[in-house]
Amino acid sequence: MNPIDAPGTAEDEWRAWDGLRELPVLDPSGWRSVVVLAAHPDDEVLGVGGLMALLADRGVRLRLVAVTDGEASHPGQEIAARRIAESAAALAHVGACETVRLGLPDSGVRDDELMRRLPGLVEGFDACLAPWEKDVHPDHEAVGRAASACGVPVWQFPIWTWHWAWPGDPRLPWDRAVRVPLPPAVAERKQAAIGCFTSQFEEPEPILPPGVLAHFARDQEVLFR
C-alpha cells in the first residue's frame, strides 16, 4: 500500500514529541530573495506558508514556481482553474509573491523537463524552498531532486511525511532539520491561506482530511537543509 493511503500518525503524537521543539531555529536574515517551488497548488502554503509570510513582511522578494495546476486531484473533473484561483487567494493572505506557472502534468512530472525549465527560474535567488525529495509523492520528489540540482541553496519542506512517518523516524534527516517558529498572527494568516483550498477538503473523499490538515496547524514549520 502507498504510505499516503495508509493510516497515518496522529498530530497529537508529533506534538507530544520533544524532538520538534528542540530543532535549531532557521536564520533567514540574510535572504533578500527566495524562490518557492510547489509541485501542486497548496504545497507552498502547507509546507512554508508561515515562512513565506515572515519573509514577505520583511520585504523579501518572493517567487512561486507552480509546477502543476493540480488537475489530477479530481479525475474526470475540470479542476485546474479552480485550484489556480485557490492558490491566488491563499497567497493574498501570505503576502506579495510573483507567480510563474509551468503547467506540467499533475502526477506526471518528469525530472528531465524540470531540469530544462527550472534552472533559469531559480538562478540568482538567495534560497530555494522545495518539497522534500523523499516525501513519497512522486511529484514532490521530482521537484525536490530538481531543486537540489539547480545550484542554489535549498531547504526542503516535508508534506506527506507528517502522515506516514513517526516521531524520531530514522528515515528522516533530523540532523539537517531546522524549525521556523510562527508568531500567532502569522500562524493565523497561514490558516486563512490554507482555508482557501476548499476543493481539497470537500466530502465525501477529501484530499486533505482533518487528520492531515492538523499537521499544518502547528506554531512552527520544519525544513531539511
Protein backbone atom coordinates (compact mmCIF):
# COMPACT_ATOMS: atom_id res chain seq x y z
CA MET A 1 0.00 0.00 0.00
CA ASN A 2 1.13 3.53 -0.76
CA PRO A 3 2.11 5.11 2.60
CA ILE A 4 -0.03 8.13 1.72
CA ASP A 5 -3.11 5.90 1.58
CA ALA A 6 -2.31 4.01 4.79
CA PRO A 7 -3.45 5.10 8.26
CA GLY A 8 -1.11 7.84 9.39
CA THR A 9 0.47 9.24 12.52
CA ALA A 10 -1.86 11.41 14.57
CA GLU A 11 -0.78 15.00 15.07
CA ASP A 12 -1.08 14.54 18.85
CA GLU A 13 1.90 12.15 18.64
CA TRP A 14 4.01 14.72 16.83
CA ARG A 15 3.10 17.47 19.29
CA ALA A 16 4.00 15.27 22.23
CA TRP A 17 7.49 14.67 20.85
CA ASP A 18 10.16 16.99 22.25
CA GLY A 19 12.33 16.46 19.19
CA LEU A 20 10.44 19.01 17.11
CA ARG A 21 10.78 21.73 19.74
CA GLU A 22 14.50 21.00 20.14
CA LEU A 23 15.41 21.57 16.49
CA PRO A 24 17.65 24.58 15.78
CA VAL A 25 15.90 27.69 14.52
CA LEU A 26 16.39 28.71 10.89
CA ASP A 27 18.07 32.09 10.42
CA PRO A 28 16.87 33.60 7.12
CA SER A 29 18.00 37.13 7.99
CA GLY A 30 20.47 37.22 5.12
CA TRP A 31 17.90 36.31 2.48
CA ARG A 32 16.86 39.10 0.13
CA SER A 33 15.20 36.89 -2.49
CA VAL A 34 13.60 33.44 -2.17
CA VAL A 35 12.08 31.15 -4.79
CA VAL A 36 9.49 28.62 -3.65
CA LEU A 37 8.76 25.52 -5.73
CA ALA A 38 5.34 23.87 -5.44
CA ALA A 39 4.53 20.60 -7.15
CA HIS A 40 0.80 21.32 -6.71
CA PRO A 41 -1.34 24.28 -5.62
CA ASP A 42 -1.33 24.28 -1.79
CA ASP A 43 2.13 22.69 -1.34
CA GLU A 44 3.70 26.10 -0.79
CA VAL A 45 1.20 27.16 1.88
CA LEU A 46 1.06 23.83 3.70
CA GLY A 47 4.84 23.48 3.81
CA VAL A 48 6.15 27.04 4.22
CA GLY A 49 3.18 29.41 4.23
CA GLY A 50 4.27 30.85 7.56
CA LEU A 51 7.86 31.33 6.48
CA MET A 52 6.68 32.98 3.26
CA ALA A 53 4.57 35.40 5.32
CA LEU A 54 7.54 36.25 7.56
CA LEU A 55 9.71 36.88 4.52
CA ALA A 56 7.04 38.96 2.78
CA ASP A 57 6.70 41.12 5.89
CA ARG A 58 10.43 41.86 5.67
CA GLY A 59 10.15 42.89 2.02
CA VAL A 60 12.00 39.84 0.72
CA ARG A 61 11.39 39.20 -2.97
CA LEU A 62 9.33 36.02 -3.30
CA ARG A 63 8.77 33.99 -6.44
CA LEU A 64 6.47 30.96 -6.55
CA VAL A 65 7.11 28.45 -9.30
CA ALA A 66 3.94 26.37 -9.59
CA VAL A 67 4.97 23.20 -11.38
CA THR A 68 1.49 21.74 -11.99
CA ASP A 69 -2.05 23.08 -11.67
CA GLY A 70 -3.18 20.12 -9.57
CA GLU A 71 -5.64 18.83 -12.14
CA ALA A 72 -5.24 15.17 -11.10
CA SER A 73 -6.73 15.66 -7.64
CA HIS A 74 -10.23 15.09 -9.03
CA PRO A 75 -10.05 12.71 -12.02
CA GLY A 76 -12.71 13.39 -14.61
CA GLN A 77 -13.38 16.93 -13.38
CA GLU A 78 -12.20 20.28 -14.75
CA ILE A 79 -10.49 21.35 -11.55
CA ALA A 80 -7.30 23.15 -12.67
CA ALA A 81 -8.81 26.64 -12.96
CA ARG A 82 -10.37 26.34 -9.52
CA ARG A 83 -7.11 25.22 -7.95
CA ILE A 84 -5.22 28.10 -9.57
CA ALA A 85 -7.79 30.54 -8.16
CA GLU A 86 -7.49 28.96 -4.71
CA SER A 87 -3.72 29.38 -4.79
CA ALA A 88 -4.03 33.04 -5.76
CA ALA A 89 -6.49 33.66 -2.91
CA ALA A 90 -4.19 31.90 -0.46
CA LEU A 91 -1.18 33.96 -1.50
CA ALA A 92 -3.14 37.14 -0.77
CA HIS A 93 -3.06 36.11 2.90
CA VAL A 94 0.64 35.24 2.80
CA GLY A 95 1.99 38.40 1.18
CA ALA A 96 3.44 39.78 -2.04
CA CYS A 97 4.66 36.97 -4.29
CA GLU A 98 5.21 36.76 -8.03
CA THR A 99 3.99 33.52 -9.60
CA VAL A 100 5.28 31.51 -12.54
CA ARG A 101 3.13 28.57 -13.67
CA LEU A 102 4.78 25.79 -15.65
CA GLY A 103 1.60 23.81 -16.36
CA LEU A 104 3.32 20.42 -16.26
CA PRO A 105 1.07 17.35 -15.96
CA ASP A 106 -0.06 16.59 -12.41
CA SER A 107 1.20 13.14 -11.29
CA GLY A 108 3.42 13.05 -14.37
CA VAL A 109 6.23 15.47 -13.54
CA ARG A 110 9.47 14.37 -15.19
CA ASP A 111 12.97 15.17 -13.97
CA ASP A 112 14.28 15.99 -17.45
CA GLU A 113 11.52 18.54 -18.10
CA LEU A 114 12.09 20.16 -14.71
CA MET A 115 15.82 20.43 -15.34
CA ARG A 116 15.13 22.06 -18.67
CA ARG A 117 12.88 24.74 -17.16
CA LEU A 118 13.80 25.32 -13.50
CA PRO A 119 17.45 26.47 -13.50
CA GLY A 120 16.69 29.78 -15.19
CA LEU A 121 13.81 30.42 -12.80
CA VAL A 122 15.82 29.91 -9.61
CA GLU A 123 19.13 31.41 -10.72
CA GLY A 124 20.21 34.42 -8.68
CA PHE A 125 17.92 33.78 -5.70
CA ASP A 126 19.45 33.61 -2.22
CA ALA A 127 17.49 30.49 -1.30
CA CYS A 128 15.13 27.92 -2.77
CA LEU A 129 12.33 26.24 -0.79
CA ALA A 130 11.05 23.00 -2.30
CA PRO A 131 9.19 19.81 -1.33
CA TRP A 132 11.33 17.14 0.31
CA GLU A 133 12.79 14.76 -2.24
CA LYS A 134 11.78 11.71 -0.17
CA ASP A 135 8.22 12.81 0.63
CA VAL A 136 6.82 9.66 -1.13
CA HIS A 137 4.60 11.59 -3.58
CA PRO A 138 6.39 11.26 -6.95
CA ASP A 139 5.78 14.87 -8.00
CA HIS A 140 7.10 16.19 -4.68
CA GLU A 141 10.18 14.03 -5.02
CA ALA A 142 10.86 15.06 -8.61
CA VAL A 143 10.64 18.76 -7.71
CA GLY A 144 12.87 18.25 -4.67
CA ARG A 145 15.51 16.45 -6.73
CA ALA A 146 15.47 19.13 -9.40
CA ALA A 147 15.78 21.89 -6.80
CA SER A 148 18.88 20.23 -5.36
CA ALA A 149 20.48 20.13 -8.80
CA CYS A 150 19.94 23.81 -9.67
CA GLY A 151 22.95 25.22 -7.82
CA VAL A 152 21.01 27.44 -5.37
CA PRO A 153 20.99 26.83 -1.59
CA VAL A 154 17.95 24.61 -0.97
CA TRP A 155 15.77 23.96 2.08
CA GLN A 156 13.19 21.23 1.59
CA PHE A 157 9.83 21.02 3.35
CA PRO A 158 8.05 17.75 4.16
CA ILE A 159 4.33 17.47 3.47
CA TRP A 160 3.02 13.89 3.30
CA THR A 161 5.94 12.88 5.52
CA TRP A 162 3.99 14.03 8.58
CA HIS A 163 1.34 11.46 7.69
CA TRP A 164 3.45 8.36 7.01
CA ALA A 165 6.47 8.97 9.28
CA TRP A 166 6.56 8.90 13.08
CA PRO A 167 8.37 10.95 15.77
CA GLY A 168 12.07 10.14 15.65
CA ASP A 169 11.65 8.13 12.44
CA PRO A 170 15.23 7.26 11.36
CA ARG A 171 14.30 7.64 7.67
CA LEU A 172 14.15 11.41 8.15
CA PRO A 173 17.32 13.59 8.18
CA TRP A 174 16.81 15.08 11.64
CA ASP A 175 20.46 16.11 11.76
CA ARG A 176 19.75 18.50 8.88
CA ALA A 177 16.39 19.75 10.16
CA VAL A 178 15.58 23.28 11.27
CA ARG A 179 12.40 24.87 12.56
CA VAL A 180 10.67 28.17 11.88
CA PRO A 181 8.65 29.46 14.86
CA LEU A 182 5.45 31.21 13.77
CA PRO A 183 4.12 34.14 15.80
CA PRO A 184 0.36 33.82 16.46
CA ALA A 185 -0.59 36.43 13.85
CA VAL A 186 1.49 34.66 11.20
CA ALA A 187 0.06 31.27 12.14
CA GLU A 188 -3.43 32.77 11.73
CA ARG A 189 -2.55 34.06 8.26
CA LYS A 190 -1.30 30.62 7.30
CA GLN A 191 -4.55 29.04 8.47
CA ALA A 192 -6.55 31.59 6.50
CA ALA A 193 -4.48 30.76 3.44
CA ILE A 194 -4.98 27.01 3.90
CA GLY A 195 -8.70 27.65 4.20
CA CYS A 196 -8.74 28.92 0.60
CA PHE A 197 -8.09 25.43 -0.79
CA THR A 198 -11.70 24.30 -0.45
CA SER A 199 -11.52 21.81 -3.33
CA GLN A 200 -9.17 19.72 -1.21
CA PHE A 201 -11.48 19.48 1.83
CA GLU A 202 -14.74 18.52 0.20
CA GLU A 203 -16.56 15.36 1.14
CA PRO A 204 -17.11 12.52 0.52
CA GLU A 205 -13.40 11.86 -0.19
CA PRO A 206 -11.32 14.90 0.82
CA ILE A 207 -7.76 15.00 -0.45
CA LEU A 208 -6.74 16.69 2.81
CA PRO A 209 -8.90 15.26 5.60
CA PRO A 210 -8.87 16.86 9.06
CA GLY A 211 -6.23 14.45 10.39
CA VAL A 212 -3.82 15.52 7.66
CA LEU A 213 -4.61 19.22 7.94
CA ALA A 214 -3.86 19.08 11.67
CA HIS A 215 -0.16 18.64 10.83
CA PHE A 216 -0.12 22.14 9.33
CA ALA A 217 -1.79 23.95 12.22
CA ARG A 218 1.38 23.98 14.33
CA ASP A 219 3.10 27.09 15.61
CA GLN A 220 6.23 26.17 13.67
CA GLU A 221 7.36 24.74 10.34
CA VAL A 222 10.19 22.28 9.69
CA LEU A 223 12.65 22.17 6.80
CA PHE A 224 15.57 19.93 5.86
CA ARG A 225 18.80 21.50 4.62
